[in-house]
Amino acid sequence: MIDEPSASGSPSSDGRSRTARFVQLFAGLVLFGVSLAFLVRSELGLDPWDVFHQGLSVATGLSIGVCTIAAGVVVLLLWFPLRQRPGIGTVANVILVGLTLDAALFVLPTTNDLAFRWTYLIGGIVLNGIATGAYIGAGLGPGPRDGLMVGLARGGRSIRVVRTSIEVSVLVVGWLLGGTVGIGTVLFALTIGPIVHRTLPMLSFDRRRIERAEEAS
């Protein structure tokens, strides 16, 4: 993906902007994987897609990170008949989130302390919101699951209906396979939207570029 010229228009500025985008993308994806590990360790409930990934892990004996990568690859393949074009951020999302999730789970201790589990849960949700704003704000391609939603919504379908249908489906299948559904699942659904609504504008490169251009004019 090629960046548009920056407000300054200089090649060196373009290079710095591109580098900053990649740094933000990869930092966001790593933090996203860590946030999912927090949610897993809380044992209080996961978001719908990770209920599905955890269910696959229980059913197959593979790690949840490997199942996350495998599901991401399958979802990405579904982009092509939907005429969606992945960016470098899309491919990085498929690989890096799952690897980071497994690495973080290797480090993070399990606990039976309910207060500590709630700390994992709240910390995971907040960190997930920040990480989502960071990797989407880098502008290098959406996650594979978001792209699937957009592709299926073409032709006048409601994005909200499509997203809800997909997430309810993977939630139910994941739960039937042994994924964890609980208060954390509900809390994530209620809070992640408002958090990303705040973090995405702050971390969006396109918005910052417009603001710098306005200041320079």
Protein backbone atom coordinates (compact mmCIF):
# COMPACT_ATOMS: atom_id res chain seq x y z
CA MET A 1 0.00 0.00 0.00
CA ILE A 2 1.39 3.39 -1.00
CA ASP A 3 0.98 6.37 1.28
CA GLU A 4 -0.42 9.60 -0.04
CA PRO A 5 2.00 12.52 0.00
CA SER A 6 2.37 14.04 3.40
CA ALA A 7 1.44 17.60 4.23
CA SER A 8 5.06 18.70 3.87
CA GLY A 9 5.42 16.93 0.51
CA SER A 10 9.08 16.05 1.08
CA PRO A 11 10.39 12.51 0.40
CA SER A 12 12.09 12.38 3.82
CA SER A 13 8.82 13.30 5.52
CA ASP A 14 7.01 10.60 3.52
CA GLY A 15 9.61 8.07 4.63
CA ARG A 16 9.25 9.02 8.29
CA SER A 17 5.46 8.82 8.01
CA ARG A 18 5.64 5.36 6.43
CA THR A 19 8.03 4.13 9.11
CA ALA A 20 5.81 5.52 11.86
CA ARG A 21 2.79 3.78 10.33
CA PHE A 22 4.57 0.42 10.37
CA VAL A 23 5.78 0.92 13.94
CA GLN A 24 2.25 1.77 15.07
CA LEU A 25 0.79 -1.16 13.12
CA PHE A 26 3.10 -3.77 14.63
CA ALA A 27 2.91 -2.27 18.13
CA GLY A 28 -0.88 -2.32 17.88
CA LEU A 29 -0.98 -5.94 16.74
CA VAL A 30 1.38 -7.07 19.51
CA LEU A 31 -0.71 -5.24 22.11
CA PHE A 32 -3.83 -6.77 20.60
CA GLY A 33 -2.42 -10.26 21.10
CA VAL A 34 -1.44 -9.42 24.69
CA SER A 35 -4.93 -8.06 25.38
CA LEU A 36 -6.45 -11.35 24.22
CA ALA A 37 -4.12 -13.25 26.55
CA PHE A 38 -5.38 -11.10 29.43
CA LEU A 39 -8.96 -12.02 28.53
CA VAL A 40 -8.10 -15.72 28.31
CA ARG A 41 -6.36 -15.67 31.70
CA SER A 42 -9.34 -13.92 33.31
CA GLU A 43 -11.50 -16.98 32.57
CA LEU A 44 -14.52 -14.65 32.78
CA GLY A 45 -15.48 -14.75 29.10
CA LEU A 46 -14.02 -13.84 25.73
CA ASP A 47 -15.16 -11.79 22.76
CA PRO A 48 -17.14 -13.83 20.16
CA TRP A 49 -14.27 -14.58 17.76
CA ASP A 50 -11.98 -15.68 20.56
CA VAL A 51 -14.68 -17.88 22.05
CA PHE A 52 -14.57 -19.55 18.63
CA HIS A 53 -10.75 -19.72 18.59
CA GLN A 54 -10.68 -21.14 22.11
CA GLY A 55 -13.37 -23.67 21.18
CA LEU A 56 -11.26 -24.79 18.22
CA SER A 57 -8.30 -25.11 20.57
CA VAL A 58 -10.28 -27.30 22.96
CA ALA A 59 -11.60 -29.44 20.11
CA THR A 60 -8.30 -29.90 18.27
CA GLY A 61 -5.68 -29.75 21.02
CA LEU A 62 -3.84 -26.98 19.18
CA SER A 63 -2.90 -23.77 20.96
CA ILE A 64 -5.40 -20.90 20.82
CA GLY A 65 -2.80 -18.80 19.00
CA VAL A 66 -2.42 -21.41 16.25
CA CYS A 67 -6.22 -21.67 15.96
CA THR A 68 -6.42 -17.86 15.72
CA ILE A 69 -3.92 -17.89 12.84
CA ALA A 70 -5.67 -20.79 11.08
CA ALA A 71 -9.08 -19.12 11.34
CA GLY A 72 -7.56 -15.86 10.09
CA VAL A 73 -6.13 -17.60 7.03
CA VAL A 74 -9.51 -19.18 6.20
CA VAL A 75 -11.30 -15.85 6.65
CA LEU A 76 -8.72 -14.10 4.49
CA LEU A 77 -9.26 -16.64 1.70
CA LEU A 78 -12.95 -15.74 1.78
CA TRP A 79 -12.00 -12.17 0.83
CA PHE A 80 -11.18 -13.11 -2.75
CA PRO A 81 -14.65 -14.17 -3.95
CA LEU A 82 -15.93 -11.04 -2.17
CA ARG A 83 -13.43 -8.92 -4.16
CA GLN A 84 -11.77 -7.53 -1.04
CA ARG A 85 -8.10 -6.47 -1.25
CA PRO A 86 -5.95 -7.10 1.82
CA GLY A 87 -3.24 -4.70 2.90
CA ILE A 88 0.06 -5.46 4.61
CA GLY A 89 -1.72 -4.81 7.91
CA THR A 90 -4.26 -7.52 7.09
CA VAL A 91 -1.59 -10.16 6.51
CA ALA A 92 0.39 -9.04 9.56
CA ASN A 93 -2.78 -9.29 11.65
CA VAL A 94 -3.33 -12.92 10.63
CA ILE A 95 0.18 -13.94 11.72
CA LEU A 96 1.24 -11.64 14.53
CA VAL A 97 -1.83 -11.65 16.77
CA GLY A 98 -1.84 -15.43 17.17
CA LEU A 99 1.91 -15.63 17.77
CA THR A 100 1.76 -12.88 20.38
CA LEU A 101 -1.26 -14.46 22.06
CA ASP A 102 0.56 -17.75 22.59
CA ALA A 103 3.75 -15.99 23.74
CA ALA A 104 1.83 -13.84 26.26
CA LEU A 105 -0.06 -16.86 27.61
CA PHE A 106 3.27 -18.58 28.18
CA VAL A 107 4.35 -15.67 30.40
CA LEU A 108 1.12 -14.65 32.14
CA PRO A 109 0.31 -16.69 35.26
CA THR A 110 -3.06 -18.29 35.86
CA THR A 111 -4.85 -17.32 39.07
CA ASN A 112 -7.84 -18.30 41.17
CA ASP A 113 -7.97 -14.85 42.78
CA LEU A 114 -11.22 -13.28 41.54
CA ALA A 115 -9.93 -9.72 41.98
CA PHE A 116 -6.86 -10.53 39.90
CA ARG A 117 -9.02 -12.19 37.24
CA TRP A 118 -11.14 -9.04 37.03
CA THR A 119 -7.94 -7.04 36.67
CA TYR A 120 -7.03 -9.24 33.72
CA LEU A 121 -10.49 -8.72 32.24
CA ILE A 122 -10.67 -4.93 32.59
CA GLY A 123 -7.05 -4.50 31.56
CA GLY A 124 -7.59 -6.75 28.54
CA ILE A 125 -10.64 -4.85 27.34
CA VAL A 126 -8.99 -1.42 27.71
CA LEU A 127 -5.77 -2.61 26.08
CA ASN A 128 -7.77 -4.20 23.26
CA GLY A 129 -9.48 -0.88 22.57
CA ILE A 130 -6.17 0.96 22.45
CA ALA A 131 -4.56 -1.72 20.28
CA THR A 132 -7.50 -1.71 17.86
CA GLY A 133 -7.25 2.06 17.47
CA ALA A 134 -3.52 1.73 16.86
CA TYR A 135 -3.51 -0.94 14.16
CA ILE A 136 -6.57 0.38 12.33
CA GLY A 137 -5.34 3.96 12.68
CA ALA A 138 -2.08 3.03 10.95
CA GLY A 139 -4.14 2.76 7.75
CA LEU A 140 -2.32 -0.28 6.34
CA GLY A 141 -5.28 -2.61 6.00
CA PRO A 142 -8.15 -3.86 8.20
CA GLY A 143 -8.18 -7.12 10.10
CA PRO A 144 -9.35 -10.18 8.13
CA ARG A 145 -12.62 -10.47 10.07
CA ASP A 146 -13.51 -6.80 9.53
CA GLY A 147 -12.85 -7.17 5.81
CA LEU A 148 -15.12 -10.20 5.66
CA MET A 149 -17.88 -8.18 7.30
CA VAL A 150 -17.50 -5.33 4.80
CA GLY A 151 -17.42 -7.72 1.84
CA LEU A 152 -20.58 -9.52 2.93
CA ALA A 153 -22.33 -6.19 3.52
CA ARG A 154 -21.98 -5.17 -0.13
CA GLY A 155 -25.15 -4.95 -2.14
CA GLY A 156 -27.10 -2.91 0.38
CA ARG A 157 -26.95 -5.23 3.36
CA SER A 158 -26.71 -3.62 6.78
CA ILE A 159 -23.19 -3.80 8.21
CA ARG A 160 -24.66 -4.00 11.70
CA VAL A 161 -26.86 -6.98 10.77
CA VAL A 162 -23.99 -8.74 8.96
CA ARG A 163 -21.59 -8.18 11.87
CA THR A 164 -24.12 -9.31 14.46
CA SER A 165 -24.96 -12.43 12.44
CA ILE A 166 -21.31 -13.39 12.06
CA GLU A 167 -20.42 -12.77 15.70
CA VAL A 168 -23.46 -14.60 17.07
CA SER A 169 -22.65 -17.55 14.80
CA VAL A 170 -19.00 -17.85 15.83
CA LEU A 171 -19.95 -17.29 19.48
CA VAL A 172 -22.45 -20.16 19.47
CA VAL A 173 -20.14 -22.53 17.60
CA GLY A 174 -17.23 -21.63 19.85
CA TRP A 175 -19.30 -22.13 22.99
CA LEU A 176 -20.50 -25.53 21.76
CA LEU A 177 -16.85 -26.49 21.15
CA GLY A 178 -15.85 -25.48 24.68
CA GLY A 179 -14.99 -21.78 24.46
CA THR A 180 -15.52 -19.55 27.50
CA VAL A 181 -18.65 -17.39 27.53
CA GLY A 182 -19.37 -15.26 30.58
CA ILE A 183 -19.69 -11.80 32.05
CA GLY A 184 -16.52 -10.80 30.21
CA THR A 185 -18.22 -11.56 26.88
CA VAL A 186 -21.06 -9.18 27.73
CA LEU A 187 -18.76 -6.50 29.16
CA PHE A 188 -16.54 -6.64 26.08
CA ALA A 189 -19.54 -6.23 23.77
CA LEU A 190 -20.82 -3.21 25.73
CA THR A 191 -17.54 -1.35 26.14
CA ILE A 192 -15.21 -2.05 23.21
CA GLY A 193 -17.15 0.18 20.81
CA PRO A 194 -17.00 3.30 23.00
CA ILE A 195 -13.31 2.72 23.76
CA VAL A 196 -12.35 2.38 20.08
CA HIS A 197 -14.53 5.41 19.31
CA ARG A 198 -12.13 7.39 21.49
CA THR A 199 -8.82 5.76 20.57
CA LEU A 200 -9.20 5.50 16.79
CA PRO A 201 -9.43 9.24 16.07
CA MET A 202 -6.44 9.90 18.33
CA LEU A 203 -4.32 7.25 16.62
CA SER A 204 -5.48 7.75 13.02
CA PHE A 205 -2.67 8.85 10.70
CA ASP A 206 -5.11 10.27 8.16
CA ARG A 207 -6.72 12.53 10.74
CA ARG A 208 -3.37 13.72 12.06
CA ARG A 209 -2.22 14.48 8.50
CA ILE A 210 -5.30 16.62 7.89
CA GLU A 211 -4.79 18.47 11.17
CA ARG A 212 -1.14 19.20 10.32
CA ALA A 213 -2.12 20.47 6.88
CA GLU A 214 -4.75 22.75 8.42
CA GLU A 215 -2.22 24.12 10.90
CA ALA A 216 0.27 24.79 8.11
CA SER A 217 -2.28 26.59 5.91
